[in-house]
């Protein structure tokens, strides 16, 4: 479906502050984890992004709090901009974004983004933990340089998860408006661990590589 709002600014100007919530935790890390369609928009992505970030990585989580208009609160990643997030990404080497792609009749994780080294590490770790992964997805590839995940110095990796996969990551409702953490399964923990291990390995291997992202300073 086509987005109702052309930007996050347009969404915020139209809705009341009680309709959405922004969680931004700048921990001074070189890695930023993003859930641009959290809350009820793509239910489950807020919990995953929060768990991947843990207490170590930066977190930006935009939550739609109204299930009745959740589908209207989706702002595509190429136009998703927010001042606090932009500030974190300017000092980040890499980013990981978590998305839900709806009903797909499969549980395969689709990988996208322009950080191919991190993508390869994520792919290997997810396979190790028993997940089905497609690193060459037919859509939702996240390869635009304007995609918010690619605004980090070394660009980023985009995770796309189907509703079918999300359903087996959670015991109960994947998002609760009261802020309580949802109950999760062992597969949830395995997915989080796989991504965190991939980020740690990438940091060891490429953390000292200078930024060559020409647009980084002006993104």
C-alpha atoms as a PDB file:
ATOM      1  CA  UNK A   1       0.000   0.000   0.000  1.00  0.00           C
ATOM      2  CA  UNK A   2       1.101   3.545  -0.712  1.00  0.00           C
ATOM      3  CA  UNK A   3       2.083   5.546   2.362  1.00  0.00           C
ATOM      4  CA  UNK A   4      -0.457   8.045   3.627  1.00  0.00           C
ATOM      5  CA  UNK A   5       2.268  10.350   4.914  1.00  0.00           C
ATOM      6  CA  UNK A   6       5.194  11.516   2.819  1.00  0.00           C
ATOM      7  CA  UNK A   7       7.452  11.867   5.851  1.00  0.00           C
ATOM      8  CA  UNK A   8       7.644  11.285   9.582  1.00  0.00           C
ATOM      9  CA  UNK A   9       7.308  15.053  10.047  1.00  0.00           C
ATOM     10  CA  UNK A  10       4.027  15.019   8.113  1.00  0.00           C
ATOM     11  CA  UNK A  11       2.756  12.139  10.240  1.00  0.00           C
ATOM     12  CA  UNK A  12       3.637  13.880  13.479  1.00  0.00           C
ATOM     13  CA  UNK A  13       2.003  17.110  12.300  1.00  0.00           C
ATOM     14  CA  UNK A  14      -1.230  15.256  11.549  1.00  0.00           C
ATOM     15  CA  UNK A  15      -1.507  12.961  14.580  1.00  0.00           C
ATOM     16  CA  UNK A  16      -1.516  13.571  18.311  1.00  0.00           C
ATOM     17  CA  UNK A  17       1.494  12.684  20.437  1.00  0.00           C
ATOM     18  CA  UNK A  18      -0.546  10.000  22.197  1.00  0.00           C
ATOM     19  CA  UNK A  19      -0.861   8.172  18.866  1.00  0.00           C
ATOM     20  CA  UNK A  20       2.834   7.299  18.661  1.00  0.00           C
ATOM     21  CA  UNK A  21       5.924   6.924  20.799  1.00  0.00           C
ATOM     22  CA  UNK A  22       9.595   7.469  19.978  1.00  0.00           C
ATOM     23  CA  UNK A  23      12.281   5.644  21.937  1.00  0.00           C
ATOM     24  CA  UNK A  24      15.746   6.977  21.213  1.00  0.00           C
ATOM     25  CA  UNK A  25      18.703   5.706  23.226  1.00  0.00           C
ATOM     26  CA  UNK A  26      22.062   7.127  22.224  1.00  0.00           C
ATOM     27  CA  UNK A  27      24.647   5.004  23.994  1.00  0.00           C
ATOM     28  CA  UNK A  28      27.589   6.405  22.072  1.00  0.00           C
ATOM     29  CA  UNK A  29      27.917   3.138  20.179  1.00  0.00           C
ATOM     30  CA  UNK A  30      29.181   2.788  16.624  1.00  0.00           C
ATOM     31  CA  UNK A  31      26.145   0.580  15.903  1.00  0.00           C
ATOM     32  CA  UNK A  32      22.548   1.809  15.712  1.00  0.00           C
ATOM     33  CA  UNK A  33      19.553  -0.528  15.697  1.00  0.00           C
ATOM     34  CA  UNK A  34      16.401   0.859  14.074  1.00  0.00           C
ATOM     35  CA  UNK A  35      12.749  -0.123  14.190  1.00  0.00           C
ATOM     36  CA  UNK A  36      11.086   2.485  11.957  1.00  0.00           C
ATOM     37  CA  UNK A  37       7.709   0.724  11.902  1.00  0.00           C
ATOM     38  CA  UNK A  38       7.384  -0.463  15.470  1.00  0.00           C
ATOM     39  CA  UNK A  39       4.460  -0.688  17.821  1.00  0.00           C
ATOM     40  CA  UNK A  40       1.351  -1.908  16.038  1.00  0.00           C
ATOM     41  CA  UNK A  41       2.632  -0.905  12.584  1.00  0.00           C
ATOM     42  CA  UNK A  42       4.784  -4.015  12.138  1.00  0.00           C
ATOM     43  CA  UNK A  43       4.126  -5.744  15.437  1.00  0.00           C
ATOM     44  CA  UNK A  44       7.131  -7.519  16.904  1.00  0.00           C
ATOM     45  CA  UNK A  45       9.800  -5.297  15.389  1.00  0.00           C
ATOM     46  CA  UNK A  46      10.019  -3.047  18.447  1.00  0.00           C
ATOM     47  CA  UNK A  47      10.750  -6.006  20.724  1.00  0.00           C
ATOM     48  CA  UNK A  48      13.343  -7.422  18.344  1.00  0.00           C
ATOM     49  CA  UNK A  49      15.149  -4.127  17.851  1.00  0.00           C
ATOM     50  CA  UNK A  50      15.167  -3.493  21.593  1.00  0.00           C
ATOM     51  CA  UNK A  51      16.590  -6.944  22.322  1.00  0.00           C
ATOM     52  CA  UNK A  52      19.272  -6.664  19.627  1.00  0.00           C
ATOM     53  CA  UNK A  53      20.337  -3.268  20.958  1.00  0.00           C
ATOM     54  CA  UNK A  54      20.393  -4.576  24.524  1.00  0.00           C
ATOM     55  CA  UNK A  55      22.346  -2.167  26.703  1.00  0.00           C
ATOM     56  CA  UNK A  56      25.214  -1.891  24.242  1.00  0.00           C
ATOM     57  CA  UNK A  57      23.992  -0.475  20.938  1.00  0.00           C
ATOM     58  CA  UNK A  58      22.085   2.692  20.070  1.00  0.00           C
ATOM     59  CA  UNK A  59      18.344   2.210  19.609  1.00  0.00           C
ATOM     60  CA  UNK A  60      15.743   4.131  17.653  1.00  0.00           C
ATOM     61  CA  UNK A  61      12.225   2.721  17.838  1.00  0.00           C
ATOM     62  CA  UNK A  62       9.215   4.484  16.347  1.00  0.00           C
ATOM     63  CA  UNK A  63       6.017   2.950  17.705  1.00  0.00           C
ATOM     64  CA  UNK A  64       2.535   3.360  16.295  1.00  0.00           C
ATOM     65  CA  UNK A  65       0.178   3.109  19.280  1.00  0.00           C
ATOM     66  CA  UNK A  66      -3.168   2.914  17.473  1.00  0.00           C
ATOM     67  CA  UNK A  67      -3.937  -0.494  15.991  1.00  0.00           C
ATOM     68  CA  UNK A  68      -6.949   0.944  14.137  1.00  0.00           C
ATOM     69  CA  UNK A  69      -4.728   3.163  11.940  1.00  0.00           C
ATOM     70  CA  UNK A  70      -1.448   1.269  12.195  1.00  0.00           C
ATOM     71  CA  UNK A  71      -1.330   0.688   8.430  1.00  0.00           C
ATOM     72  CA  UNK A  72      -1.529   4.456   7.900  1.00  0.00           C
ATOM     73  CA  UNK A  73       1.505   5.125  10.107  1.00  0.00           C
ATOM     74  CA  UNK A  74       4.012   3.431   7.835  1.00  0.00           C
ATOM     75  CA  UNK A  75       6.607   5.854   6.420  1.00  0.00           C
ATOM     76  CA  UNK A  76       8.864   4.143   3.916  1.00  0.00           C
ATOM     77  CA  UNK A  77      12.517   3.767   4.925  1.00  0.00           C
ATOM     78  CA  UNK A  78      13.814   5.963   2.095  1.00  0.00           C
ATOM     79  CA  UNK A  79      11.856   8.910   3.502  1.00  0.00           C
ATOM     80  CA  UNK A  80      12.084   8.065   7.190  1.00  0.00           C
ATOM     81  CA  UNK A  81      13.994  10.912   8.840  1.00  0.00           C
ATOM     82  CA  UNK A  82      14.072  12.122  12.440  1.00  0.00           C
ATOM     83  CA  UNK A  83      16.522  14.571  14.014  1.00  0.00           C
ATOM     84  CA  UNK A  84      17.685  12.380  16.915  1.00  0.00           C
ATOM     85  CA  UNK A  85      18.118   9.378  14.642  1.00  0.00           C
ATOM     86  CA  UNK A  86      20.060  11.386  12.065  1.00  0.00           C
ATOM     87  CA  UNK A  87      22.397  12.581  14.819  1.00  0.00           C
ATOM     88  CA  UNK A  88      23.098   9.010  15.951  1.00  0.00           C
ATOM     89  CA  UNK A  89      23.640   7.755  12.415  1.00  0.00           C
ATOM     90  CA  UNK A  90      26.222  10.468  11.731  1.00  0.00           C
ATOM     91  CA  UNK A  91      28.414   8.907  14.434  1.00  0.00           C
ATOM     92  CA  UNK A  92      27.552   5.286  13.629  1.00  0.00           C
ATOM     93  CA  UNK A  93      29.689   2.977  11.551  1.00  0.00           C
ATOM     94  CA  UNK A  94      26.883   0.546  10.808  1.00  0.00           C
ATOM     95  CA  UNK A  95      23.156   0.159  11.336  1.00  0.00           C
ATOM     96  CA  UNK A  96      20.635  -2.668  11.403  1.00  0.00           C
ATOM     97  CA  UNK A  97      16.934  -2.114  10.756  1.00  0.00           C
ATOM     98  CA  UNK A  98      14.149  -4.541  11.638  1.00  0.00           C
ATOM     99  CA  UNK A  99      11.013  -4.736   9.486  1.00  0.00           C
ATOM    100  CA  UNK A 100       7.924  -6.897   9.151  1.00  0.00           C
ATOM    101  CA  UNK A 101       6.753  -7.763   5.639  1.00  0.00           C
ATOM    102  CA  UNK A 102       3.282  -9.096   6.350  1.00  0.00           C
ATOM    103  CA  UNK A 103       1.743 -12.451   5.436  1.00  0.00           C
ATOM    104  CA  UNK A 104       4.099 -14.267   3.075  1.00  0.00           C
ATOM    105  CA  UNK A 105       3.428 -18.033   3.446  1.00  0.00           C
ATOM    106  CA  UNK A 106       7.048 -18.599   4.497  1.00  0.00           C
ATOM    107  CA  UNK A 107       9.370 -18.057   7.460  1.00  0.00           C
ATOM    108  CA  UNK A 108      12.456 -17.037   5.469  1.00  0.00           C
ATOM    109  CA  UNK A 109      14.317 -13.933   6.629  1.00  0.00           C
ATOM    110  CA  UNK A 110      15.085 -11.581   3.754  1.00  0.00           C
ATOM    111  CA  UNK A 111      18.340  -9.650   4.059  1.00  0.00           C
ATOM    112  CA  UNK A 112      18.948  -6.298   2.433  1.00  0.00           C
ATOM    113  CA  UNK A 113      21.050  -3.192   2.846  1.00  0.00           C
ATOM    114  CA  UNK A 114      24.315  -1.911   1.395  1.00  0.00           C
ATOM    115  CA  UNK A 115      26.785  -3.157   4.006  1.00  0.00           C
ATOM    116  CA  UNK A 116      27.618  -6.398   2.229  1.00  0.00           C
ATOM    117  CA  UNK A 117      30.305  -7.502   4.698  1.00  0.00           C
ATOM    118  CA  UNK A 118      27.939  -7.236   7.658  1.00  0.00           C
ATOM    119  CA  UNK A 119      25.181  -8.809   5.583  1.00  0.00           C
ATOM    120  CA  UNK A 120      27.397 -11.831   4.890  1.00  0.00           C
ATOM    121  CA  UNK A 121      28.157 -12.216   8.591  1.00  0.00           C
ATOM    122  CA  UNK A 122      24.480 -11.914   9.520  1.00  0.00           C
ATOM    123  CA  UNK A 123      23.618 -14.491   6.870  1.00  0.00           C
ATOM    124  CA  UNK A 124      26.167 -16.982   8.206  1.00  0.00           C
ATOM    125  CA  UNK A 125      25.095 -16.543  11.825  1.00  0.00           C
ATOM    126  CA  UNK A 126      21.402 -16.905  11.055  1.00  0.00           C
ATOM    127  CA  UNK A 127      22.062 -20.112   9.132  1.00  0.00           C
ATOM    128  CA  UNK A 128      24.106 -21.404  12.063  1.00  0.00           C
ATOM    129  CA  UNK A 129      21.117 -20.945  14.371  1.00  0.00           C
ATOM    130  CA  UNK A 130      18.774 -22.766  12.027  1.00  0.00           C
ATOM    131  CA  UNK A 131      16.954 -19.923  10.278  1.00  0.00           C
ATOM    132  CA  UNK A 132      15.999 -19.913   6.625  1.00  0.00           C
ATOM    133  CA  UNK A 133      17.577 -16.867   5.002  1.00  0.00           C
ATOM    134  CA  UNK A 134      17.447 -15.259   1.565  1.00  0.00           C
ATOM    135  CA  UNK A 135      20.313 -12.790   0.998  1.00  0.00           C
ATOM    136  CA  UNK A 136      19.029 -12.034  -2.504  1.00  0.00           C
ATOM    137  CA  UNK A 137      15.393 -11.232  -1.847  1.00  0.00           C
ATOM    138  CA  UNK A 138      13.009 -10.471  -4.717  1.00  0.00           C
ATOM    139  CA  UNK A 139      11.873  -7.210  -3.072  1.00  0.00           C
ATOM    140  CA  UNK A 140      12.417  -5.113   0.057  1.00  0.00           C
ATOM    141  CA  UNK A 141      16.125  -5.151  -0.773  1.00  0.00           C
ATOM    142  CA  UNK A 142      17.017  -1.954   1.104  1.00  0.00           C
ATOM    143  CA  UNK A 143      19.612  -1.004  -1.490  1.00  0.00           C
ATOM    144  CA  UNK A 144      18.744   2.648  -1.934  1.00  0.00           C
ATOM    145  CA  UNK A 145      21.423   4.945  -0.490  1.00  0.00           C
ATOM    146  CA  UNK A 146      18.492   6.989   0.827  1.00  0.00           C
ATOM    147  CA  UNK A 147      17.235   4.101   2.935  1.00  0.00           C
ATOM    148  CA  UNK A 148      17.617   5.184   6.556  1.00  0.00           C
ATOM    149  CA  UNK A 149      19.665   2.071   7.398  1.00  0.00           C
ATOM    150  CA  UNK A 150      22.263   3.086   4.812  1.00  0.00           C
ATOM    151  CA  UNK A 151      22.911   6.512   6.322  1.00  0.00           C
ATOM    152  CA  UNK A 152      25.497   5.093   8.727  1.00  0.00           C
ATOM    153  CA  UNK A 153      29.150   5.463   7.727  1.00  0.00           C
ATOM    154  CA  UNK A 154      29.516   1.850   6.547  1.00  0.00           C
ATOM    155  CA  UNK A 155      25.852   1.622   5.520  1.00  0.00           C
ATOM    156  CA  UNK A 156      23.679  -1.091   7.063  1.00  0.00           C
ATOM    157  CA  UNK A 157      21.683  -4.314   6.931  1.00  0.00           C
ATOM    158  CA  UNK A 158      17.909  -4.544   6.638  1.00  0.00           C
ATOM    159  CA  UNK A 159      16.039  -7.508   8.123  1.00  0.00           C
ATOM    160  CA  UNK A 160      12.602  -8.381   6.717  1.00  0.00           C
ATOM    161  CA  UNK A 161      10.538 -10.876   8.715  1.00  0.00           C
ATOM    162  CA  UNK A 162       7.221 -12.410   7.684  1.00  0.00           C
ATOM    163  CA  UNK A 163       4.181 -12.568   9.948  1.00  0.00           C
ATOM    164  CA  UNK A 164       4.589 -16.336   9.909  1.00  0.00           C
ATOM    165  CA  UNK A 165       8.076 -16.075  11.397  1.00  0.00           C
ATOM    166  CA  UNK A 166       7.089 -13.384  13.879  1.00  0.00           C
ATOM    167  CA  UNK A 167       4.271 -15.634  15.106  1.00  0.00           C
ATOM    168  CA  UNK A 168       6.754 -18.277  16.249  1.00  0.00           C
ATOM    169  CA  UNK A 169       9.069 -15.763  17.908  1.00  0.00           C
ATOM    170  CA  UNK A 170       6.454 -14.722  20.460  1.00  0.00           C
ATOM    171  CA  UNK A 171       4.365 -16.613  23.000  1.00  0.00           C
ATOM    172  CA  UNK A 172       1.764 -13.872  23.283  1.00  0.00           C
ATOM    173  CA  UNK A 173       0.983 -10.539  21.611  1.00  0.00           C
ATOM    174  CA  UNK A 174       4.230  -9.164  20.123  1.00  0.00           C
ATOM    175  CA  UNK A 175       3.411  -5.603  21.179  1.00  0.00           C
ATOM    176  CA  UNK A 176       1.604  -4.285  24.228  1.00  0.00           C
ATOM    177  CA  UNK A 177       0.758  -0.622  24.560  1.00  0.00           C
ATOM    178  CA  UNK A 178       1.440  -0.653  28.321  1.00  0.00           C
ATOM    179  CA  UNK A 179       5.137  -1.098  27.582  1.00  0.00           C
ATOM    180  CA  UNK A 180       5.420  -4.559  29.120  1.00  0.00           C
ATOM    181  CA  UNK A 181       7.835  -6.877  27.414  1.00  0.00           C
ATOM    182  CA  UNK A 182       6.084  -9.627  25.455  1.00  0.00           C
ATOM    183  CA  UNK A 183       6.824 -13.261  26.169  1.00  0.00           C
ATOM    184  CA  UNK A 184       9.230 -14.649  23.611  1.00  0.00           C
ATOM    185  CA  UNK A 185      10.395 -18.071  22.456  1.00  0.00           C
ATOM    186  CA  UNK A 186      13.817 -19.691  22.159  1.00  0.00           C
ATOM    187  CA  UNK A 187      13.810 -18.800  18.465  1.00  0.00           C
ATOM    188  CA  UNK A 188      13.504 -15.124  19.379  1.00  0.00           C
ATOM    189  CA  UNK A 189      16.571 -15.426  21.606  1.00  0.00           C
ATOM    190  CA  UNK A 190      18.462 -17.288  18.883  1.00  0.00           C
ATOM    191  CA  UNK A 191      17.705 -14.616  16.294  1.00  0.00           C
ATOM    192  CA  UNK A 192      18.806 -11.838  18.625  1.00  0.00           C
ATOM    193  CA  UNK A 193      22.009 -13.693  19.508  1.00  0.00           C
ATOM    194  CA  UNK A 194      22.801 -14.317  15.835  1.00  0.00           C
ATOM    195  CA  UNK A 195      22.533 -10.631  14.947  1.00  0.00           C
ATOM    196  CA  UNK A 196      24.518  -9.485  17.977  1.00  0.00           C
ATOM    197  CA  UNK A 197      27.293 -11.975  17.224  1.00  0.00           C
ATOM    198  CA  UNK A 198      27.434 -10.821  13.612  1.00  0.00           C
ATOM    199  CA  UNK A 199      27.726  -7.185  14.692  1.00  0.00           C
ATOM    200  CA  UNK A 200      30.473  -8.038  17.198  1.00  0.00           C
ATOM    201  CA  UNK A 201      32.408  -9.955  14.556  1.00  0.00           C
ATOM    202  CA  UNK A 202      32.014  -7.129  12.056  1.00  0.00           C
ATOM    203  CA  UNK A 203      33.269  -4.597  14.589  1.00  0.00           C
ATOM    204  CA  UNK A 204      36.376  -6.686  15.217  1.00  0.00           C
ATOM    205  CA  UNK A 205      37.103  -7.109  11.518  1.00  0.00           C
ATOM    206  CA  UNK A 206      36.087  -3.743  10.100  1.00  0.00           C
ATOM    207  CA  UNK A 207      35.756  -1.373  13.036  1.00  0.00           C
ATOM    208  CA  UNK A 208      38.958   0.471  12.161  1.00  0.00           C
ATOM    209  CA  UNK A 209      38.098   0.920   8.479  1.00  0.00           C
ATOM    210  CA  UNK A 210      37.772   4.646   7.685  1.00  0.00           C
ATOM    211  CA  UNK A 211      34.448   5.961   6.478  1.00  0.00           C
ATOM    212  CA  UNK A 212      34.345   6.249   2.700  1.00  0.00           C
ATOM    213  CA  UNK A 213      30.639   7.063   2.534  1.00  0.00           C
ATOM    214  CA  UNK A 214      30.771  10.347   0.591  1.00  0.00           C
ATOM    215  CA  UNK A 215      27.238  11.326   1.585  1.00  0.00           C
ATOM    216  CA  UNK A 216      27.690  10.519   5.260  1.00  0.00           C
ATOM    217  CA  UNK A 217      28.516  14.009   6.424  1.00  0.00           C
ATOM    218  CA  UNK A 218      25.474  15.524   4.737  1.00  0.00           C
ATOM    219  CA  UNK A 219      22.951  12.690   5.168  1.00  0.00           C
END
